[in-house]
Amino acid sequence: MVNSSKSSKWALILGGSSGLGLATAKKLARHQFNLILIHRDRKYDLEEVKHSFQEITLSEISLHSFNMDATKTEKRQEIIKEVERILGGQTIDVMVHSIAKGNLKSMLSDENALGKEDFQLTLNAMAISLYDWTRALVDSKLFASDARIVSFTSEGSYKAWPGYAAVSAAKATLESITRSIALEFAPIGIKANCIQAGTTDTKSLRMIPNSEVLIKRARERNPNQRLTRAEDVADVVYLLTLEESKWITGTVIKVDGGESLR
């Protein structure tokens, strides 16, 4: 899906078809970012995804989407070659990591307990893939000289919840990798930050065991007495793309309306 655009700003979003990724795509499009959205959706979800993307292009930006598994090395290489062609000499100003792919198994289970392979899959998809994509885009010289990288973490990086162990480990790893990217890629102008979103009612949240309890507790804890909205998080992603935010890097920014205060 492509529209003609006069803008030279580009954002690449990993996991851009739902939740925080989609909200971010909509926000950036309203501010004239052209979009490259990489997502992984089943056939029966594609009509809804297509409708969302059509809404985004009303902002008269260029949108290119890939329904492929961004965590697979061969798929990443294939996409990057196509991205080079799409950009035609331009570069990526913003990369957003919003991949939610992991195992939500209990450690204490008689039949289907969390195993080493579950940890490996979850860590690779939700954490290590951030570095894989960063490294690949650096190698291809596709980042702008003042590029911003944003990834999404949660309180789960340091709090435990039954069935959340693999994702919790991935979120902690994601934060660590983000800090290292901020440090080691600073000489080429990259800034990298994590956003710790408050409890947000997304498809990913609903997959967590006993998610309704998490939602209830979040409302009770939040001094603003509501859940975080995906749009709240997208607003801060946009703030991190601005010239005025160029000195913010290597940190975790809480966007939760005060939920984590208690």
C-alpha atoms as a PDB file:
ATOM      1  CA  MET A   1       0.000   0.000   0.000  1.00  0.00           C
ATOM      2  CA  VAL A   2       1.739   3.174  -1.191  1.00  0.00           C
ATOM      3  CA  ASN A   3       0.712   6.807  -1.364  1.00  0.00           C
ATOM      4  CA  SER A   4       2.777   9.583  -2.858  1.00  0.00           C
ATOM      5  CA  SER A   5       4.398  11.625  -0.118  1.00  0.00           C
ATOM      6  CA  LYS A   6       6.403  14.814  -0.030  1.00  0.00           C
ATOM      7  CA  SER A   7       7.890  13.931   3.357  1.00  0.00           C
ATOM      8  CA  SER A   8      11.425  12.583   3.688  1.00  0.00           C
ATOM      9  CA  LYS A   9      10.896  11.240   7.232  1.00  0.00           C
ATOM     10  CA  TRP A  10      10.741   7.462   7.636  1.00  0.00           C
ATOM     11  CA  ALA A  11       9.798   5.181  10.516  1.00  0.00           C
ATOM     12  CA  LEU A  12      10.182   1.408  10.594  1.00  0.00           C
ATOM     13  CA  ILE A  13       7.937  -0.383  13.074  1.00  0.00           C
ATOM     14  CA  LEU A  14       8.414  -4.015  14.046  1.00  0.00           C
ATOM     15  CA  GLY A  15       4.974  -5.228  15.082  1.00  0.00           C
ATOM     16  CA  GLY A  16       2.993  -2.409  13.523  1.00  0.00           C
ATOM     17  CA  SER A  17      -0.435  -3.962  12.979  1.00  0.00           C
ATOM     18  CA  SER A  18      -1.945  -3.859  16.468  1.00  0.00           C
ATOM     19  CA  GLY A  19      -1.573  -2.533  19.995  1.00  0.00           C
ATOM     20  CA  LEU A  20       1.236  -0.095  20.750  1.00  0.00           C
ATOM     21  CA  GLY A  21       2.832  -0.567  17.335  1.00  0.00           C
ATOM     22  CA  LEU A  22      -0.315   0.349  15.414  1.00  0.00           C
ATOM     23  CA  ALA A  23      -1.069   3.313  17.680  1.00  0.00           C
ATOM     24  CA  THR A  24       2.480   4.537  17.094  1.00  0.00           C
ATOM     25  CA  ALA A  25       2.108   4.143  13.332  1.00  0.00           C
ATOM     26  CA  LYS A  26      -1.066   6.259  13.390  1.00  0.00           C
ATOM     27  CA  LYS A  27       0.589   8.939  15.529  1.00  0.00           C
ATOM     28  CA  LEU A  28       3.715   9.189  13.392  1.00  0.00           C
ATOM     29  CA  ALA A  29       1.672   9.244  10.193  1.00  0.00           C
ATOM     30  CA  ARG A  30      -0.228  12.271  11.492  1.00  0.00           C
ATOM     31  CA  HIS A  31       3.158  13.954  11.807  1.00  0.00           C
ATOM     32  CA  GLN A  32       4.107  13.083   8.255  1.00  0.00           C
ATOM     33  CA  PHE A  33       6.353  10.093   8.809  1.00  0.00           C
ATOM     34  CA  ASN A  34       6.353   7.616   5.956  1.00  0.00           C
ATOM     35  CA  LEU A  35       5.975   4.102   7.333  1.00  0.00           C
ATOM     36  CA  ILE A  36       7.474   0.658   6.873  1.00  0.00           C
ATOM     37  CA  LEU A  37       5.358  -1.720   8.964  1.00  0.00           C
ATOM     38  CA  ILE A  38       6.443  -5.285   9.610  1.00  0.00           C
ATOM     39  CA  HIS A  39       3.861  -7.530  11.202  1.00  0.00           C
ATOM     40  CA  ARG A  40       2.848 -11.158  11.470  1.00  0.00           C
ATOM     41  CA  ASP A  41      -0.872 -11.784  11.184  1.00  0.00           C
ATOM     42  CA  ARG A  42      -3.063 -14.737  10.334  1.00  0.00           C
ATOM     43  CA  LYS A  43      -5.289 -14.618   7.261  1.00  0.00           C
ATOM     44  CA  TYR A  44      -8.475 -14.065   9.227  1.00  0.00           C
ATOM     45  CA  ASP A  45      -7.003 -10.915  10.820  1.00  0.00           C
ATOM     46  CA  LEU A  46      -5.711  -9.378   7.601  1.00  0.00           C
ATOM     47  CA  GLU A  47      -8.954  -7.624   6.628  1.00  0.00           C
ATOM     48  CA  GLU A  48      -8.931  -5.670   9.900  1.00  0.00           C
ATOM     49  CA  VAL A  49      -5.218  -4.926   9.472  1.00  0.00           C
ATOM     50  CA  LYS A  50      -5.791  -3.717   5.909  1.00  0.00           C
ATOM     51  CA  HIS A  51      -8.568  -1.402   7.105  1.00  0.00           C
ATOM     52  CA  SER A  52      -6.259   0.094   9.759  1.00  0.00           C
ATOM     53  CA  PHE A  53      -3.540   0.683   7.188  1.00  0.00           C
ATOM     54  CA  GLN A  54      -6.012   2.355   4.831  1.00  0.00           C
ATOM     55  CA  GLU A  55      -6.951   4.756   7.635  1.00  0.00           C
ATOM     56  CA  ILE A  56      -3.281   5.627   8.118  1.00  0.00           C
ATOM     57  CA  THR A  57      -2.749   6.491   4.460  1.00  0.00           C
ATOM     58  CA  LEU A  58      -5.423   9.191   4.721  1.00  0.00           C
ATOM     59  CA  SER A  59      -2.580  11.239   6.200  1.00  0.00           C
ATOM     60  CA  GLU A  60      -1.075  11.251   2.689  1.00  0.00           C
ATOM     61  CA  ILE A  61       2.113   9.463   3.643  1.00  0.00           C
ATOM     62  CA  SER A  62       3.722   6.426   2.038  1.00  0.00           C
ATOM     63  CA  LEU A  63       3.045   3.135   3.769  1.00  0.00           C
ATOM     64  CA  HIS A  64       4.719  -0.163   2.959  1.00  0.00           C
ATOM     65  CA  SER A  65       3.812  -3.285   4.906  1.00  0.00           C
ATOM     66  CA  PHE A  66       5.313  -6.767   5.165  1.00  0.00           C
ATOM     67  CA  ASN A  67       3.331  -9.626   6.678  1.00  0.00           C
ATOM     68  CA  MET A  68       6.414 -11.633   7.588  1.00  0.00           C
ATOM     69  CA  ASP A  69       8.108 -12.970  10.722  1.00  0.00           C
ATOM     70  CA  ALA A  70      10.620 -10.238  11.602  1.00  0.00           C
ATOM     71  CA  THR A  71      12.449 -12.567  14.003  1.00  0.00           C
ATOM     72  CA  LYS A  72      13.659 -14.908  11.246  1.00  0.00           C
ATOM     73  CA  THR A  73      17.125 -14.131   9.856  1.00  0.00           C
ATOM     74  CA  GLU A  74      16.275 -14.946   6.238  1.00  0.00           C
ATOM     75  CA  LYS A  75      13.064 -12.895   6.367  1.00  0.00           C
ATOM     76  CA  ARG A  76      14.917  -9.942   7.890  1.00  0.00           C
ATOM     77  CA  GLN A  77      17.483 -10.026   5.094  1.00  0.00           C
ATOM     78  CA  GLU A  78      14.726 -10.212   2.491  1.00  0.00           C
ATOM     79  CA  ILE A  79      12.866  -7.264   4.006  1.00  0.00           C
ATOM     80  CA  ILE A  80      15.982  -5.104   4.296  1.00  0.00           C
ATOM     81  CA  LYS A  81      16.761  -5.536   0.615  1.00  0.00           C
ATOM     82  CA  GLU A  82      13.237  -4.359  -0.192  1.00  0.00           C
ATOM     83  CA  VAL A  83      13.528  -1.483   2.302  1.00  0.00           C
ATOM     84  CA  GLU A  84      16.693  -0.293   0.543  1.00  0.00           C
ATOM     85  CA  ARG A  85      14.738  -0.186  -2.711  1.00  0.00           C
ATOM     86  CA  ILE A  86      11.793   1.646  -1.098  1.00  0.00           C
ATOM     87  CA  LEU A  87      13.985   4.281   0.529  1.00  0.00           C
ATOM     88  CA  GLY A  88      15.883   4.985  -2.677  1.00  0.00           C
ATOM     89  CA  GLY A  89      18.786   6.677  -0.903  1.00  0.00           C
ATOM     90  CA  GLN A  90      16.780   8.096   2.004  1.00  0.00           C
ATOM     91  CA  THR A  91      17.267   6.798   5.556  1.00  0.00           C
ATOM     92  CA  ILE A  92      15.269   5.643   8.575  1.00  0.00           C
ATOM     93  CA  ASP A  93      14.760   8.254  11.272  1.00  0.00           C
ATOM     94  CA  VAL A  94      12.909   6.077  13.777  1.00  0.00           C
ATOM     95  CA  MET A  95      12.800   2.362  14.489  1.00  0.00           C
ATOM     96  CA  VAL A  96      10.169   1.071  16.918  1.00  0.00           C
ATOM     97  CA  HIS A  97      10.329  -2.434  18.375  1.00  0.00           C
ATOM     98  CA  SER A  98       6.864  -3.711  19.325  1.00  0.00           C
ATOM     99  CA  ILE A  99       7.185  -7.455  18.828  1.00  0.00           C
ATOM    100  CA  ALA A 100       4.984  -9.542  21.112  1.00  0.00           C
ATOM    101  CA  LYS A 101       5.810 -13.184  20.482  1.00  0.00           C
ATOM    102  CA  GLY A 102       6.506 -15.493  23.379  1.00  0.00           C
ATOM    103  CA  ASN A 103       5.431 -18.283  25.649  1.00  0.00           C
ATOM    104  CA  LEU A 104       3.137 -17.763  28.609  1.00  0.00           C
ATOM    105  CA  LYS A 105       3.569 -21.054  30.405  1.00  0.00           C
ATOM    106  CA  SER A 106       3.697 -21.808  34.095  1.00  0.00           C
ATOM    107  CA  MET A 107       6.921 -23.001  35.694  1.00  0.00           C
ATOM    108  CA  LEU A 108       4.838 -25.265  37.917  1.00  0.00           C
ATOM    109  CA  SER A 109       2.869 -27.475  35.571  1.00  0.00           C
ATOM    110  CA  ASP A 110       2.454 -31.220  35.374  1.00  0.00           C
ATOM    111  CA  GLU A 111       2.053 -31.443  31.603  1.00  0.00           C
ATOM    112  CA  ASN A 112       3.221 -28.283  29.845  1.00  0.00           C
ATOM    113  CA  ALA A 113       5.776 -26.568  32.052  1.00  0.00           C
ATOM    114  CA  LEU A 114       7.928 -23.722  30.805  1.00  0.00           C
ATOM    115  CA  GLY A 115      11.088 -25.108  29.204  1.00  0.00           C
ATOM    116  CA  LYS A 116      14.438 -23.914  27.931  1.00  0.00           C
ATOM    117  CA  GLU A 117      13.142 -23.726  24.351  1.00  0.00           C
ATOM    118  CA  ASP A 118      10.282 -21.489  25.497  1.00  0.00           C
ATOM    119  CA  PHE A 119      12.756 -19.085  27.070  1.00  0.00           C
ATOM    120  CA  GLN A 120      14.919 -19.096  23.945  1.00  0.00           C
ATOM    121  CA  LEU A 121      12.029 -18.381  21.581  1.00  0.00           C
ATOM    122  CA  THR A 122      10.682 -15.579  23.778  1.00  0.00           C
ATOM    123  CA  LEU A 123      14.064 -13.935  24.398  1.00  0.00           C
ATOM    124  CA  ASN A 124      14.926 -14.056  20.703  1.00  0.00           C
ATOM    125  CA  ALA A 125      11.620 -12.558  19.567  1.00  0.00           C
ATOM    126  CA  MET A 126      11.034  -9.942  22.250  1.00  0.00           C
ATOM    127  CA  ALA A 127      14.597  -8.846  23.048  1.00  0.00           C
ATOM    128  CA  ILE A 128      17.470 -10.088  20.906  1.00  0.00           C
ATOM    129  CA  SER A 129      15.626  -9.195  17.694  1.00  0.00           C
ATOM    130  CA  LEU A 130      16.017  -5.530  18.679  1.00  0.00           C
ATOM    131  CA  TYR A 131      19.777  -5.882  18.356  1.00  0.00           C
ATOM    132  CA  ASP A 132      19.496  -8.040  15.223  1.00  0.00           C
ATOM    133  CA  TRP A 133      17.495  -5.344  13.437  1.00  0.00           C
ATOM    134  CA  THR A 134      19.651  -2.505  14.737  1.00  0.00           C
ATOM    135  CA  ARG A 135      22.835  -4.247  13.606  1.00  0.00           C
ATOM    136  CA  ALA A 136      21.377  -5.127  10.186  1.00  0.00           C
ATOM    137  CA  LEU A 137      20.214  -1.558   9.520  1.00  0.00           C
ATOM    138  CA  VAL A 138      23.561  -0.152  10.667  1.00  0.00           C
ATOM    139  CA  ASP A 139      25.409  -2.568   8.379  1.00  0.00           C
ATOM    140  CA  SER A 140      23.204  -1.492   5.473  1.00  0.00           C
ATOM    141  CA  LYS A 141      23.763   2.185   6.337  1.00  0.00           C
ATOM    142  CA  LEU A 142      20.023   2.744   6.481  1.00  0.00           C
ATOM    143  CA  PHE A 143      19.837   4.781   9.697  1.00  0.00           C
ATOM    144  CA  ALA A 144      19.749   8.582   9.608  1.00  0.00           C
ATOM    145  CA  SER A 145      22.589  10.413  11.376  1.00  0.00           C
ATOM    146  CA  ASP A 146      20.282  11.264  14.298  1.00  0.00           C
ATOM    147  CA  ALA A 147      18.196   8.085  14.412  1.00  0.00           C
ATOM    148  CA  ARG A 148      15.932   7.194  17.326  1.00  0.00           C
ATOM    149  CA  ILE A 149      15.192   3.649  18.500  1.00  0.00           C
ATOM    150  CA  VAL A 150      12.276   2.964  20.831  1.00  0.00           C
ATOM    151  CA  SER A 151      11.280  -0.346  22.403  1.00  0.00           C
ATOM    152  CA  PHE A 152       8.441  -1.268  24.750  1.00  0.00           C
ATOM    153  CA  THR A 153       8.963  -2.810  28.166  1.00  0.00           C
ATOM    154  CA  SER A 154       6.715  -3.267  31.187  1.00  0.00           C
ATOM    155  CA  GLU A 155       6.730  -3.660  34.959  1.00  0.00           C
ATOM    156  CA  GLY A 156       7.138  -7.341  34.207  1.00  0.00           C
ATOM    157  CA  SER A 157      10.848  -6.697  33.680  1.00  0.00           C
ATOM    158  CA  TYR A 158      11.254  -6.601  37.455  1.00  0.00           C
ATOM    159  CA  LYS A 159       7.971  -7.955  38.868  1.00  0.00           C
ATOM    160  CA  ALA A 160       6.824 -11.562  38.820  1.00  0.00           C
ATOM    161  CA  TRP A 161       3.446 -12.862  37.641  1.00  0.00           C
ATOM    162  CA  PRO A 162       2.456 -16.527  37.253  1.00  0.00           C
ATOM    163  CA  GLY A 163       2.969 -17.675  33.676  1.00  0.00           C
ATOM    164  CA  TYR A 164       4.964 -14.570  32.752  1.00  0.00           C
ATOM    165  CA  ALA A 165       8.519 -15.793  33.491  1.00  0.00           C
ATOM    166  CA  ALA A 166       9.769 -16.028  29.895  1.00  0.00           C
ATOM    167  CA  VAL A 167       8.322 -12.649  28.903  1.00  0.00           C
ATOM    168  CA  SER A 168       9.628 -11.101  32.117  1.00  0.00           C
ATOM    169  CA  ALA A 169      13.132 -12.336  31.293  1.00  0.00           C
ATOM    170  CA  ALA A 170      12.766 -10.976  27.762  1.00  0.00           C
ATOM    171  CA  LYS A 171      11.689  -7.531  28.982  1.00  0.00           C
ATOM    172  CA  ALA A 172      14.665  -7.317  31.358  1.00  0.00           C
ATOM    173  CA  THR A 173      16.947  -8.351  28.502  1.00  0.00           C
ATOM    174  CA  LEU A 174      15.325  -5.832  26.167  1.00  0.00           C
ATOM    175  CA  GLU A 175      16.086  -3.019  28.593  1.00  0.00           C
ATOM    176  CA  SER A 176      19.699  -4.162  28.911  1.00  0.00           C
ATOM    177  CA  ILE A 177      20.166  -4.383  25.139  1.00  0.00           C
ATOM    178  CA  THR A 178      18.599  -0.936  24.699  1.00  0.00           C
ATOM    179  CA  ARG A 179      21.092   0.577  27.139  1.00  0.00           C
ATOM    180  CA  SER A 180      23.992  -1.078  25.324  1.00  0.00           C
ATOM    181  CA  ILE A 181      22.740   0.126  21.942  1.00  0.00           C
ATOM    182  CA  ALA A 182      22.547   3.660  23.333  1.00  0.00           C
ATOM    183  CA  LEU A 183      26.145   3.395  24.531  1.00  0.00           C
ATOM    184  CA  GLU A 184      27.836   1.569  21.683  1.00  0.00           C
ATOM    185  CA  PHE A 185      26.049   3.170  18.737  1.00  0.00           C
ATOM    186  CA  ALA A 186      26.246   6.736  20.106  1.00  0.00           C
ATOM    187  CA  PRO A 187      29.251   7.545  17.850  1.00  0.00           C
ATOM    188  CA  ILE A 188      27.005   7.180  14.793  1.00  0.00           C
ATOM    189  CA  GLY A 189      24.216   9.301  16.256  1.00  0.00           C
ATOM    190  CA  ILE A 190      21.735   6.654  17.417  1.00  0.00           C
ATOM    191  CA  LYS A 191      19.637   7.315  20.508  1.00  0.00           C
ATOM    192  CA  ALA A 192      17.832   4.346  22.084  1.00  0.00           C
ATOM    193  CA  ASN A 193      15.227   4.252  24.845  1.00  0.00           C
ATOM    194  CA  CYS A 194      12.630   1.925  26.342  1.00  0.00           C
ATOM    195  CA  ILE A 195       9.120   2.999  27.225  1.00  0.00           C
ATOM    196  CA  GLN A 196       7.641   1.238  30.245  1.00  0.00           C
ATOM    197  CA  ALA A 197       3.982   1.359  29.373  1.00  0.00           C
ATOM    198  CA  GLY A 198       1.347   1.022  32.039  1.00  0.00           C
ATOM    199  CA  THR A 199      -1.206  -1.760  31.816  1.00  0.00           C
ATOM    200  CA  THR A 200      -2.753  -1.348  28.364  1.00  0.00           C
ATOM    201  CA  ASP A 201      -5.745  -3.360  27.159  1.00  0.00           C
ATOM    202  CA  THR A 202      -4.295  -4.993  24.044  1.00  0.00           C
ATOM    203  CA  LYS A 203      -4.485  -8.439  22.459  1.00  0.00           C
ATOM    204  CA  SER A 204      -1.111  -9.221  24.013  1.00  0.00           C
ATOM    205  CA  LEU A 205      -2.329  -8.358  27.506  1.00  0.00           C
ATOM    206  CA  ARG A 206      -5.426 -10.526  27.101  1.00  0.00           C
ATOM    207  CA  MET A 207      -3.185 -13.522  26.378  1.00  0.00           C
ATOM    208  CA  ILE A 208      -1.536 -13.314  29.817  1.00  0.00           C
ATOM    209  CA  PRO A 209      -3.030 -15.807  32.295  1.00  0.00           C
ATOM    210  CA  ASN A 210      -5.511 -14.074  34.628  1.00  0.00           C
ATOM    211  CA  SER A 211      -5.165 -10.816  32.712  1.00  0.00           C
ATOM    212  CA  GLU A 212      -8.497  -9.627  34.092  1.00  0.00           C
ATOM    213  CA  VAL A 213      -6.887  -9.556  37.545  1.00  0.00           C
ATOM    214  CA  LEU A 214      -4.011  -7.446  36.191  1.00  0.00           C
ATOM    215  CA  ILE A 215      -6.509  -5.027  34.637  1.00  0.00           C
ATOM    216  CA  LYS A 216      -8.501  -4.712  37.870  1.00  0.00           C
ATOM    217  CA  ARG A 217      -5.370  -4.109  39.953  1.00  0.00           C
ATOM    218  CA  ALA A 218      -4.020  -1.562  37.479  1.00  0.00           C
ATOM    219  CA  ARG A 219      -7.187   0.526  37.709  1.00  0.00           C
ATOM    220  CA  GLU A 220      -7.018   0.397  41.494  1.00  0.00           C
ATOM    221  CA  ARG A 221      -3.348   1.394  41.595  1.00  0.00           C
ATOM    222  CA  ASN A 222      -3.513   4.179  39.035  1.00  0.00           C
ATOM    223  CA  PRO A 223      -4.090   7.623  40.607  1.00  0.00           C
ATOM    224  CA  ASN A 224      -5.830   8.628  37.371  1.00  0.00           C
ATOM    225  CA  GLN A 225      -8.199   5.665  37.787  1.00  0.00           C
ATOM    226  CA  ARG A 226      -7.919   4.323  34.274  1.00  0.00           C
ATOM    227  CA  LEU A 227      -5.711   2.033  32.229  1.00  0.00           C
ATOM    228  CA  THR A 228      -2.975   3.359  30.010  1.00  0.00           C
ATOM    229  CA  ARG A 229      -4.144   3.756  26.414  1.00  0.00           C
ATOM    230  CA  ALA A 230      -2.033   2.777  23.428  1.00  0.00           C
ATOM    231  CA  GLU A 231      -2.350   6.384  22.276  1.00  0.00           C
ATOM    232  CA  ASP A 232      -0.734   7.600  25.518  1.00  0.00           C
ATOM    233  CA  VAL A 233       2.325   5.530  24.686  1.00  0.00           C
ATOM    234  CA  ALA A 234       2.362   6.569  21.021  1.00  0.00           C
ATOM    235  CA  ASP A 235       2.388  10.215  22.093  1.00  0.00           C
ATOM    236  CA  VAL A 236       5.654   9.664  23.958  1.00  0.00           C
ATOM    237  CA  VAL A 237       7.209   7.769  21.055  1.00  0.00           C
ATOM    238  CA  TYR A 238       6.549  10.852  18.956  1.00  0.00           C
ATOM    239  CA  LEU A 239       8.097  13.103  21.614  1.00  0.00           C
ATOM    240  CA  LEU A 240      11.250  10.978  21.424  1.00  0.00           C
ATOM    241  CA  THR A 241      11.532  11.688  17.694  1.00  0.00           C
ATOM    242  CA  LEU A 242      11.780  15.442  18.197  1.00  0.00           C
ATOM    243  CA  GLU A 243      14.948  17.521  18.051  1.00  0.00           C
ATOM    244  CA  GLU A 244      14.291  18.586  21.644  1.00  0.00           C
ATOM    245  CA  SER A 245      14.621  14.974  22.867  1.00  0.00           C
ATOM    246  CA  LYS A 246      18.024  14.296  21.319  1.00  0.00           C
ATOM    247  CA  TRP A 247      19.766  14.244  24.739  1.00  0.00           C
ATOM    248  CA  ILE A 248      17.529  11.450  26.060  1.00  0.00           C
ATOM    249  CA  THR A 249      19.122   8.066  25.500  1.00  0.00           C
ATOM    250  CA  GLY A 250      19.756   4.782  27.264  1.00  0.00           C
ATOM    251  CA  THR A 251      16.892   5.104  29.708  1.00  0.00           C
ATOM    252  CA  VAL A 252      13.524   3.601  30.613  1.00  0.00           C
ATOM    253  CA  ILE A 253      10.690   6.119  30.497  1.00  0.00           C
ATOM    254  CA  LYS A 254       7.524   5.344  32.437  1.00  0.00           C
ATOM    255  CA  VAL A 255       4.301   6.128  30.585  1.00  0.00           C
ATOM    256  CA  ASP A 256       1.707   4.834  32.989  1.00  0.00           C
ATOM    257  CA  GLY A 257      -0.203   7.762  34.503  1.00  0.00           C
ATOM    258  CA  GLY A 258       1.379   7.015  37.872  1.00  0.00           C
ATOM    259  CA  GLU A 259       0.340   3.345  38.007  1.00  0.00           C
ATOM    260  CA  SER A 260       3.799   2.235  39.171  1.00  0.00           C
ATOM    261  CA  LEU A 261       3.803   4.667  42.100  1.00  0.00           C
ATOM    262  CA  ARG A 262       2.102   2.076  44.266  1.00  0.00           C
END
